[in-house]
Amino acid sequence: MTYGTPPQQPSPSLPETAYVTLWFPKPSETFIYREAQIMRRMGMPLRVYAMYGRLDSHLSGDMQRDDIPVERLGCRHILPGASAFAYWLKRRPEVFKPLMASLLFRRWRCLEQTGENYWACYCGCHLARRFEETGVRHIHACWANGPATAAWVASALTGIPFSFTGRAGDIYPADGALKEKIAQAAFARVDAAFNIDYLRGFAGGRDDKIVLVRNCLSWENCQDAPAPMRPPYHIMALCRFVRTKGLDVLLRACRSLADDGVDFTLTLAGSGPQCLPLKALVRRLGLTEKVRFPGFVPHDQVPRVLREADVFVTPSKVVQSGDRDGLPTVIMEALMHRVPVVATDVGGIREVVRDGETGRLIPQLDVEAMKRAILDVLLHRDTSLAMAERGRQLILDYYDSEKNARRMIELICAHSA
């Protein structure tokens, strides 16, 4: 499939579908963008509804140019949301009152989740009216937290079936309503097999509701990285700078490499709230001359950055709250460029990084194991590239975008009004 081609005319046989998410497009959520794009290319009449406003910075060129229809809410919809509250209170009080009481007086997992779910209730009431006006026949939330709450509210008020995807921080830990969301949803999709048993634990015996559909990813412009693996070696990490990414562990492993006399440079590409603490740690560890911070990399520039790497490292960890990575897309992108991967055994990472077969998989938080794995990759180039090639073949099998998009269309068609 050529992603630059215009979408097919919406097929009258396919149900009008609403995708509900927080922001769209979001630079780091290429998997949601690609899924919506490919499904529309297949003739799916799909519109995205974002709970917040527009993000203009760091968008890749294709995200800036694309014509996926989007309706954004945000502050300007506070008054329409209030009107929708009154509308549904009058029209369906027997549903509206107990639903709002259940959601607004629920103990959410944290203050941020409380605020997000209050806003989701507001959005859900407004979207319920919009979905009736536009003939929506299925609502899909791209995340299990706020978007799924909004979809649940809209579904309860209109009778339109809804579903949601559970991925990573949206389900770890559960937000306080995950069990009810699964009970009310037509299905709950996971994008990594690791999450199947976890969500089944909230399904109350309805294991059939939990379905695996992997993400839709784009493999355009994937070229083999040279990976010369000669000093100075180039170690790469590319991610959001948040605690779950474990970049502090990688920096300490690199300090140990430097102490052993290994000549290398480390590139930490990305941005986020941990940027300043990470730079401070670099200074404390005496790695200022070895670590580069190029900033956020738009998705269409990721291939160029990956082709500079000898080894790609994903040092994910589970933080105290239980939050963790699911299966970072950038791991698959690295393997598609035949870049050897070292990663920690967190979330669904082991599904694609199989130790000694498709990469090196190590325990989380283990600085010494990370140092040894990185050095092993750098010192055994042929073996490392062979692992990366096997990883690429696995990714091509798992992440067939047309197959995965078609599966989502089948599920939505089977659960539409």
Protein backbone atom coordinates (compact mmCIF):
# COMPACT_ATOMS: atom_id res chain seq x y z
CA MET A 1 0.00 0.00 0.00
CA THR A 2 1.27 3.48 -0.90
CA TYR A 3 0.51 5.80 1.98
CA GLY A 4 0.72 8.95 -0.09
CA THR A 5 -2.28 8.03 -2.26
CA PRO A 6 -5.63 9.70 -1.57
CA PRO A 7 -8.19 7.77 0.50
CA GLN A 8 -10.80 5.71 -1.24
CA GLN A 9 -14.34 7.00 -1.19
CA PRO A 10 -15.95 5.77 2.04
CA SER A 11 -17.61 2.44 1.43
CA PRO A 12 -21.37 2.52 2.13
CA SER A 13 -21.08 -1.04 3.43
CA LEU A 14 -18.66 -0.03 6.19
CA PRO A 15 -19.89 1.61 9.41
CA GLU A 16 -19.22 5.26 10.18
CA THR A 17 -16.54 5.04 12.87
CA ALA A 18 -15.31 7.50 15.49
CA TYR A 19 -11.76 7.24 16.86
CA VAL A 20 -11.46 9.02 20.22
CA THR A 21 -8.04 10.01 21.52
CA LEU A 22 -6.35 12.73 23.57
CA TRP A 23 -4.40 14.57 20.85
CA PHE A 24 -4.30 14.02 17.10
CA PRO A 25 -2.00 13.85 15.39
CA LYS A 26 0.59 13.52 18.15
CA PRO A 27 4.23 13.25 17.02
CA SER A 28 5.01 10.31 19.31
CA GLU A 29 1.82 8.38 18.46
CA THR A 30 2.60 7.42 14.90
CA PHE A 31 0.87 4.06 15.38
CA ILE A 32 -2.54 5.73 15.91
CA TYR A 33 -1.96 8.06 12.99
CA ARG A 34 -0.97 5.19 10.66
CA GLU A 35 -3.91 3.07 11.72
CA ALA A 36 -6.43 5.82 10.98
CA GLN A 37 -4.67 6.63 7.73
CA ILE A 38 -4.57 3.06 6.44
CA MET A 39 -8.15 2.25 7.44
CA ARG A 40 -9.33 5.32 5.54
CA ARG A 41 -7.25 4.21 2.55
CA MET A 42 -9.25 0.97 2.71
CA GLY A 43 -12.52 2.87 2.46
CA MET A 44 -13.39 3.01 6.16
CA PRO A 45 -15.50 6.12 6.91
CA LEU A 46 -13.46 7.17 9.93
CA ARG A 47 -13.23 10.48 11.75
CA VAL A 48 -10.96 11.28 14.71
CA TYR A 49 -12.22 13.12 17.79
CA ALA A 50 -9.46 14.58 19.99
CA MET A 51 -10.28 15.54 23.58
CA TYR A 52 -7.72 18.34 23.58
CA GLY A 53 -6.56 21.01 21.14
CA ARG A 54 -4.08 20.99 18.31
CA LEU A 55 -0.39 20.12 18.52
CA ASP A 56 1.65 21.98 15.90
CA SER A 57 5.25 21.35 16.94
CA HIS A 58 7.41 18.36 15.97
CA LEU A 59 4.88 16.99 13.46
CA SER A 60 6.39 14.99 10.61
CA GLY A 61 5.78 16.20 7.08
CA ASP A 62 3.10 13.61 6.34
CA MET A 63 1.24 14.46 9.56
CA GLN A 64 1.20 18.12 8.55
CA ARG A 65 -0.09 17.34 5.06
CA ASP A 66 -2.64 14.61 5.78
CA ASP A 67 -6.37 15.24 5.45
CA ILE A 68 -7.70 12.79 8.05
CA PRO A 69 -10.85 14.55 9.36
CA VAL A 70 -10.41 15.63 12.98
CA GLU A 71 -12.71 17.35 15.44
CA ARG A 72 -10.88 18.79 18.44
CA LEU A 73 -12.49 19.72 21.72
CA GLY A 74 -10.49 21.55 24.38
CA CYS A 75 -11.39 24.77 26.20
CA ARG A 76 -13.63 26.16 23.48
CA HIS A 77 -16.03 23.27 24.06
CA ILE A 78 -16.66 24.00 27.74
CA LEU A 79 -19.97 25.75 27.02
CA PRO A 80 -21.17 23.18 24.43
CA GLY A 81 -20.25 20.49 26.95
CA ALA A 82 -22.40 22.14 29.61
CA SER A 83 -25.26 22.30 27.14
CA ALA A 84 -24.80 18.60 26.40
CA PHE A 85 -24.93 17.81 30.12
CA ALA A 86 -28.33 19.52 30.35
CA TYR A 87 -29.51 17.85 27.14
CA TRP A 88 -28.81 14.31 28.31
CA LEU A 89 -30.09 14.97 31.82
CA LYS A 90 -33.42 15.88 30.27
CA ARG A 91 -33.47 13.27 27.52
CA ARG A 92 -32.11 10.19 29.34
CA PRO A 93 -32.12 10.88 33.08
CA GLU A 94 -32.38 7.19 33.94
CA VAL A 95 -28.98 6.60 32.26
CA PHE A 96 -27.31 9.96 32.77
CA LYS A 97 -27.74 10.31 36.54
CA PRO A 98 -26.32 6.95 37.68
CA LEU A 99 -23.55 7.08 35.07
CA MET A 100 -22.36 10.53 36.14
CA ALA A 101 -22.65 9.60 39.81
CA SER A 102 -20.52 6.52 39.21
CA LEU A 103 -17.82 8.36 37.28
CA LEU A 104 -17.65 11.74 39.00
CA PHE A 105 -17.56 10.34 42.54
CA ARG A 106 -15.21 7.46 41.77
CA ARG A 107 -11.79 7.12 43.36
CA TRP A 108 -9.40 7.45 40.42
CA ARG A 109 -5.79 6.39 40.75
CA CYS A 110 -4.33 9.91 41.02
CA LEU A 111 -5.21 13.59 40.76
CA GLU A 112 -4.19 13.75 37.09
CA GLN A 113 -6.44 10.79 36.27
CA THR A 114 -9.29 12.40 38.19
CA GLY A 115 -9.04 15.58 36.13
CA GLU A 116 -8.71 13.69 32.86
CA ASN A 117 -11.75 11.53 33.56
CA TYR A 118 -13.87 14.50 34.66
CA TRP A 119 -13.04 16.12 31.34
CA ALA A 120 -13.74 12.81 29.58
CA CYS A 121 -17.27 12.76 31.06
CA TYR A 122 -17.79 16.26 29.70
CA CYS A 123 -16.42 15.27 26.29
CA GLY A 124 -18.47 12.07 26.23
CA CYS A 125 -21.73 14.00 26.65
CA HIS A 126 -20.82 16.40 23.85
CA LEU A 127 -19.59 13.62 21.58
CA ALA A 128 -22.76 11.59 22.13
CA ARG A 129 -24.74 14.35 20.42
CA ARG A 130 -22.16 14.68 17.64
CA PHE A 131 -22.16 10.93 17.02
CA GLU A 132 -25.93 10.88 16.65
CA GLU A 133 -25.79 13.88 14.30
CA THR A 134 -23.11 12.31 12.09
CA GLY A 135 -24.47 8.75 12.03
CA VAL A 136 -21.59 7.11 13.90
CA ARG A 137 -22.14 3.38 14.30
CA HIS A 138 -19.05 2.42 16.31
CA ILE A 139 -16.85 4.33 18.76
CA HIS A 140 -13.25 3.24 19.31
CA ALA A 141 -11.06 4.80 22.01
CA CYS A 142 -7.35 4.67 21.20
CA TRP A 143 -6.41 4.53 24.89
CA ALA A 144 -7.98 2.81 27.91
CA ASN A 145 -7.93 5.85 30.19
CA GLY A 146 -9.66 9.18 29.41
CA PRO A 147 -10.57 8.38 25.79
CA ALA A 148 -12.21 5.10 26.85
CA THR A 149 -14.15 6.96 29.55
CA ALA A 150 -15.44 9.44 26.95
CA ALA A 151 -16.34 6.59 24.59
CA TRP A 152 -18.12 4.72 27.39
CA VAL A 153 -20.21 7.79 28.28
CA ALA A 154 -21.13 8.43 24.64
CA SER A 155 -22.02 4.77 24.15
CA ALA A 156 -24.17 4.59 27.29
CA LEU A 157 -26.13 7.68 26.25
CA THR A 158 -26.66 6.70 22.61
CA GLY A 159 -26.54 2.91 22.49
CA ILE A 160 -23.73 3.03 19.92
CA PRO A 161 -21.25 0.18 20.63
CA PHE A 162 -17.77 1.15 21.75
CA SER A 163 -14.38 -0.50 22.09
CA PHE A 164 -10.95 0.59 23.26
CA THR A 165 -7.26 -0.26 23.04
CA GLY A 166 -5.15 -0.93 26.15
CA ARG A 167 -1.44 -0.28 25.65
CA ALA A 168 0.90 0.75 28.49
CA GLY A 169 0.58 3.61 30.97
CA ASP A 170 -3.15 3.75 30.30
CA ILE A 171 -3.62 0.34 31.95
CA TYR A 172 -0.59 0.12 34.27
CA PRO A 173 -1.86 0.61 36.88
CA ALA A 174 -5.58 0.41 36.10
CA ASP A 175 -7.34 3.77 36.37
CA GLY A 176 -10.14 2.62 38.67
CA ALA A 177 -12.77 1.87 36.03
CA LEU A 178 -11.04 -0.66 33.79
CA LYS A 179 -13.25 -3.55 34.89
CA GLU A 180 -16.45 -1.62 34.09
CA LYS A 181 -15.08 -0.40 30.77
CA ILE A 182 -14.35 -3.96 29.65
CA ALA A 183 -17.79 -5.08 30.85
CA GLN A 184 -19.53 -2.40 28.80
CA ALA A 185 -17.26 -2.50 25.73
CA ALA A 186 -17.94 -4.63 22.67
CA PHE A 187 -14.27 -5.64 22.76
CA ALA A 188 -10.97 -4.50 24.27
CA ARG A 189 -8.05 -4.59 21.90
CA VAL A 190 -4.42 -4.99 23.00
CA ASP A 191 -1.47 -4.25 20.73
CA ALA A 192 0.91 -6.68 22.47
CA ALA A 193 0.29 -10.27 23.55
CA PHE A 194 1.80 -9.44 26.94
CA ASN A 195 -1.36 -7.51 27.85
CA ILE A 196 -3.88 -10.26 27.03
CA ASP A 197 -3.76 -12.08 30.38
CA TYR A 198 -3.52 -8.79 32.26
CA LEU A 199 -6.77 -7.44 30.78
CA ARG A 200 -8.47 -10.81 31.11
CA GLY A 201 -7.94 -10.40 34.84
CA PHE A 202 -10.43 -7.51 34.67
CA ALA A 203 -12.84 -9.18 32.24
CA GLY A 204 -14.94 -11.16 34.73
CA GLY A 205 -14.74 -14.38 32.74
CA ARG A 206 -15.38 -12.72 29.37
CA ASP A 207 -11.94 -13.63 28.02
CA ASP A 208 -13.34 -13.53 24.49
CA LYS A 209 -13.62 -9.75 24.73
CA ILE A 210 -9.84 -9.32 24.84
CA VAL A 211 -8.40 -9.41 21.31
CA LEU A 212 -4.88 -8.93 19.98
CA VAL A 213 -4.43 -6.65 16.99
CA ARG A 214 -0.92 -5.33 16.56
CA ASN A 215 -0.27 -1.76 15.52
CA CYS A 216 -0.18 -0.46 11.98
CA LEU A 217 3.34 0.76 11.31
CA SER A 218 5.02 2.17 8.23
CA TRP A 219 8.21 0.66 6.85
CA GLU A 220 8.85 3.22 4.13
CA ASN A 221 12.44 4.41 3.72
CA CYS A 222 13.85 1.52 5.76
CA GLN A 223 17.46 1.02 4.71
CA ASP A 224 20.14 -1.06 6.38
CA ALA A 225 22.23 0.94 8.83
CA PRO A 226 25.95 0.58 8.06
CA ALA A 227 26.66 -0.24 11.75
CA PRO A 228 30.45 -0.35 11.24
CA MET A 229 30.99 -1.07 14.96
CA ARG A 230 34.41 0.54 15.05
CA PRO A 231 35.56 2.95 17.77
CA PRO A 232 34.19 5.39 18.60
CA TYR A 233 31.09 3.19 18.78
CA HIS A 234 27.75 4.94 18.41
CA ILE A 235 25.15 3.98 21.03
CA MET A 236 21.63 5.29 20.43
CA ALA A 237 18.44 5.72 22.45
CA LEU A 238 15.38 7.52 21.12
CA CYS A 239 12.33 8.03 23.31
CA ARG A 240 10.31 10.38 25.47
CA PHE A 241 12.32 11.53 28.45
CA VAL A 242 10.16 10.05 31.21
CA ARG A 243 11.04 7.81 34.14
CA THR A 244 9.70 4.61 32.57
CA LYS A 245 12.36 4.81 29.84
CA GLY A 246 15.18 4.04 32.29
CA LEU A 247 17.71 6.36 30.66
CA ASP A 248 19.42 6.87 34.02
CA VAL A 249 20.33 3.17 33.98
CA LEU A 250 21.76 3.49 30.47
CA LEU A 251 23.87 6.47 31.53
CA ARG A 252 25.33 4.51 34.43
CA ALA A 253 26.08 1.59 32.10
CA CYS A 254 27.87 4.03 29.80
CA ARG A 255 29.90 5.36 32.75
CA SER A 256 31.01 1.78 33.36
CA LEU A 257 31.91 1.36 29.67
CA ALA A 258 34.01 4.52 29.84
CA ASP A 259 35.74 3.24 32.98
CA ASP A 260 36.68 0.11 31.02
CA GLY A 261 38.28 2.23 28.31
CA VAL A 262 35.58 1.75 25.64
CA ASP A 263 35.56 4.59 23.10
CA PHE A 264 31.95 5.56 22.30
CA THR A 265 29.42 8.33 21.88
CA LEU A 266 25.87 8.11 23.21
CA THR A 267 22.99 9.92 21.53
CA LEU A 268 19.87 10.46 23.64
CA ALA A 269 17.29 11.72 21.15
CA GLY A 270 13.96 12.96 22.42
CA SER A 271 12.36 15.38 24.84
CA GLY A 272 10.25 15.33 27.96
CA PRO A 273 10.10 16.20 31.66
CA GLN A 274 13.25 14.25 32.54
CA CYS A 275 15.48 16.20 30.14
CA LEU A 276 17.07 18.50 32.74
CA PRO A 277 17.57 15.73 35.35
CA LEU A 278 19.22 13.57 32.68
CA LYS A 279 21.58 16.36 31.65
CA ALA A 280 22.44 16.90 35.31
CA LEU A 281 23.18 13.18 35.68
CA VAL A 282 25.44 13.31 32.62
CA ARG A 283 27.45 16.07 34.31
CA ARG A 284 27.66 14.19 37.62
CA LEU A 285 28.85 11.05 35.85
CA GLY A 286 31.49 12.97 33.91
CA LEU A 287 30.03 12.00 30.52
CA THR A 288 29.57 15.49 29.07
CA GLU A 289 32.04 14.84 26.24
CA LYS A 290 30.42 11.54 25.31
CA VAL A 291 26.65 12.23 25.38
CA ARG A 292 24.67 14.22 22.80
CA PHE A 293 21.12 15.56 23.22
CA PRO A 294 19.87 16.46 19.72
CA GLY A 295 16.29 17.06 20.93
CA PHE A 296 13.02 15.72 19.59
CA VAL A 297 13.26 13.89 16.26
CA PRO A 298 10.18 14.13 13.98
CA HIS A 299 9.09 10.74 12.75
CA ASP A 300 10.14 11.32 9.15
CA GLN A 301 13.69 12.00 10.43
CA VAL A 302 13.91 8.82 12.51
CA PRO A 303 15.35 6.70 9.65
CA ARG A 304 18.23 9.13 9.23
CA VAL A 305 19.01 9.05 12.95
CA LEU A 306 18.78 5.26 13.23
CA ARG A 307 21.16 4.76 10.31
CA GLU A 308 23.87 6.45 12.40
CA ALA A 309 23.69 3.85 15.20
CA ASP A 310 25.84 0.81 15.92
CA VAL A 311 23.48 -0.38 18.65
CA PHE A 312 20.05 0.78 19.80
CA VAL A 313 19.23 0.56 23.51
CA THR A 314 15.80 0.53 25.18
CA PRO A 315 16.44 0.45 28.96
CA SER A 316 12.77 0.51 30.06
CA LYS A 317 11.80 0.00 33.70
CA VAL A 318 8.69 -0.31 35.85
CA VAL A 319 8.34 2.73 38.12
CA GLN A 320 6.91 2.81 41.63
CA SER A 321 3.35 3.62 40.49
CA GLY A 322 3.35 0.52 38.26
CA ASP A 323 3.59 2.56 35.06
CA ARG A 324 5.73 0.96 32.35
CA ASP A 325 6.30 0.70 28.63
CA GLY A 326 4.15 -1.57 26.51
CA LEU A 327 6.10 -2.35 23.36
CA PRO A 328 7.93 0.77 22.14
CA THR A 329 7.47 1.30 18.41
CA VAL A 330 11.02 2.54 18.03
CA ILE A 331 12.36 -0.96 18.77
CA MET A 332 10.61 -2.23 15.67
CA GLU A 333 11.89 0.72 13.67
CA ALA A 334 15.47 0.02 14.75
CA LEU A 335 15.20 -3.64 13.75
CA MET A 336 13.71 -2.66 10.39
CA HIS A 337 16.90 -0.68 9.77
CA ARG A 338 18.93 -3.73 10.84
CA VAL A 339 20.25 -1.97 13.92
CA PRO A 340 21.08 -4.44 16.72
CA VAL A 341 18.91 -3.90 19.80
CA VAL A 342 19.63 -4.22 23.52
CA ALA A 343 16.46 -3.95 25.62
CA THR A 344 15.12 -4.75 29.06
CA ASP A 345 12.50 -7.36 29.82
CA VAL A 346 9.59 -5.00 30.50
CA GLY A 347 6.05 -5.06 29.13
CA GLY A 348 5.76 -6.68 25.73
CA ILE A 349 9.36 -6.09 24.64
CA ARG A 350 10.22 -9.81 24.82
CA GLU A 351 7.70 -10.45 22.03
CA VAL A 352 10.12 -8.97 19.50
CA VAL A 353 13.47 -8.90 21.33
CA ARG A 354 14.29 -12.54 21.98
CA ASP A 355 17.60 -12.89 23.75
CA GLY A 356 20.29 -14.26 21.48
CA GLU A 357 17.84 -14.64 18.59
CA THR A 358 16.61 -11.18 17.55
CA GLY A 359 18.57 -9.03 20.01
CA ARG A 360 19.79 -8.92 23.60
CA LEU A 361 17.17 -8.98 26.36
CA ILE A 362 18.32 -8.22 29.89
CA PRO A 363 16.71 -7.66 33.31
CA GLN A 364 15.55 -4.14 34.07
CA LEU A 365 17.66 -1.89 36.34
CA ASP A 366 20.77 -4.09 35.92
CA VAL A 367 23.59 -1.70 35.03
CA GLU A 368 26.23 -4.41 34.74
CA ALA A 369 24.07 -6.63 32.50
CA MET A 370 23.35 -3.66 30.26
CA LYS A 371 27.02 -2.81 29.94
CA ARG A 372 27.91 -6.42 29.08
CA ALA A 373 25.11 -6.73 26.52
CA ILE A 374 26.06 -3.49 24.76
CA LEU A 375 29.71 -4.49 24.65
CA ASP A 376 28.85 -7.98 23.40
CA VAL A 377 26.87 -6.49 20.51
CA LEU A 378 29.64 -4.05 19.60
CA LEU A 379 32.41 -6.67 19.68
CA HIS A 380 30.58 -9.32 17.62
CA ARG A 381 29.32 -7.46 14.57
CA ASP A 382 28.37 -10.40 12.35
CA THR A 383 26.41 -12.13 15.10
CA SER A 384 24.70 -8.89 16.08
CA LEU A 385 23.66 -8.03 12.53
CA ALA A 386 22.34 -11.56 12.04
CA MET A 387 20.17 -11.13 15.15
CA ALA A 388 18.90 -7.80 13.83
CA GLU A 389 18.05 -9.41 10.48
CA ARG A 390 16.03 -12.13 12.23
CA GLY A 391 14.32 -9.38 14.18
CA ARG A 392 13.43 -7.60 10.96
CA GLN A 393 11.81 -10.73 9.56
CA LEU A 394 9.79 -11.14 12.75
CA ILE A 395 8.61 -7.52 12.55
CA LEU A 396 7.55 -7.93 8.93
CA ASP A 397 5.41 -10.88 9.98
CA TYR A 398 3.89 -9.27 13.09
CA TYR A 399 3.37 -5.78 11.73
CA ASP A 400 1.69 -6.26 8.38
CA SER A 401 -0.22 -2.97 8.39
CA GLU A 402 -2.84 -3.97 5.85
CA LYS A 403 -3.58 -7.22 7.69
CA ASN A 404 -3.81 -5.46 11.06
CA ALA A 405 -5.99 -2.64 9.72
CA ARG A 406 -8.26 -5.17 8.04
CA ARG A 407 -8.63 -7.02 11.34
CA MET A 408 -9.68 -3.79 13.07
CA ILE A 409 -12.24 -3.16 10.34
CA GLU A 410 -13.62 -6.69 10.76
CA LEU A 411 -13.97 -6.24 14.52
CA ILE A 412 -15.69 -2.88 14.16
CA CYS A 413 -18.07 -4.20 11.50
CA ALA A 414 -19.01 -7.11 13.77
CA HIS A 415 -19.85 -4.72 16.63
CA SER A 416 -21.66 -1.80 15.01
CA ALA A 417 -25.09 -0.31 15.50
